[in-house]
Amino acid sequence: MEEKSRHEIIMRAKISYAEQKTNMSMRAWVDRELSEIGMPPMSDEECENYQLTSIPRIFQDV
């Protein structure tokens, strides 16, 4: 079985985040997905590149 790339995992996590009704921040959601498969959490630079926010959804303007 082919191992998924970090990019693919991040993109899939962003999609699943949009579909969920969670108050977690997008960064926390993606970090959780990465940690479940043993990958390191997002760096600040990666978050900027992937446009991930660390503000919980409850405090974001929707």
Protein backbone atom coordinates (compact mmCIF):
# COMPACT_ATOMS: atom_id res chain seq x y z
CA MET A 1 0.00 0.00 0.00
CA GLU A 2 1.35 3.40 -1.00
CA GLU A 3 2.00 5.84 1.82
CA LYS A 4 0.03 9.08 1.59
CA SER A 5 2.00 12.26 1.20
CA ARG A 6 1.92 14.92 3.90
CA HIS A 7 0.30 17.29 1.40
CA GLU A 8 -2.51 14.84 0.65
CA ILE A 9 -3.17 14.27 4.35
CA ILE A 10 -3.30 18.01 5.03
CA MET A 11 -5.67 18.62 2.12
CA ARG A 12 -7.99 15.79 3.16
CA ALA A 13 -7.97 17.06 6.75
CA LYS A 14 -8.95 20.54 5.52
CA ILE A 15 -11.89 19.01 3.64
CA SER A 16 -13.02 16.92 6.61
CA TYR A 17 -12.72 19.99 8.87
CA ALA A 18 -15.07 21.93 6.58
CA GLU A 19 -17.61 19.09 6.79
CA GLN A 20 -17.55 18.82 10.60
CA LYS A 21 -19.36 20.91 13.20
CA THR A 22 -16.39 21.30 15.51
CA ASN A 23 -15.21 24.40 17.33
CA MET A 24 -11.56 23.35 17.04
CA SER A 25 -9.23 25.50 15.00
CA MET A 26 -8.28 24.23 11.56
CA ARG A 27 -4.66 23.96 12.68
CA ALA A 28 -5.60 21.82 15.69
CA TRP A 29 -7.75 19.60 13.46
CA VAL A 30 -4.94 19.04 10.95
CA ASP A 31 -2.37 18.50 13.73
CA ARG A 32 -4.64 15.83 15.23
CA GLU A 33 -4.94 14.07 11.87
CA LEU A 34 -1.15 14.15 11.40
CA SER A 35 -0.45 12.87 14.92
CA GLU A 36 -2.80 9.92 14.41
CA ILE A 37 -0.45 8.59 11.73
CA GLY A 38 2.76 9.56 13.52
CA MET A 39 3.68 12.70 11.57
CA PRO A 40 4.94 15.87 13.27
CA PRO A 41 2.52 18.78 13.75
CA MET A 42 2.27 21.70 11.37
CA SER A 43 4.97 24.34 11.48
CA ASP A 44 4.04 28.03 11.43
CA GLU A 45 5.39 28.25 7.87
CA GLU A 46 3.26 25.30 6.72
CA CYS A 47 0.19 26.86 8.32
CA GLU A 48 0.82 30.04 6.38
CA ASN A 49 1.35 28.13 3.13
CA TYR A 50 -1.82 26.07 3.58
CA GLN A 51 -3.78 29.04 4.98
CA LEU A 52 -4.61 27.33 8.26
CA THR A 53 -5.88 29.39 11.14
CA SER A 54 -5.22 28.69 14.78
CA ILE A 55 -8.35 30.59 15.85
CA PRO A 56 -11.14 28.26 17.04
CA ARG A 57 -14.12 28.21 14.67
CA ILE A 58 -16.41 29.60 17.35
CA PHE A 59 -14.47 32.91 17.21
CA GLN A 60 -14.26 33.15 13.41
CA ASP A 61 -16.60 35.24 11.29
CA VAL A 62 -18.59 32.76 9.27
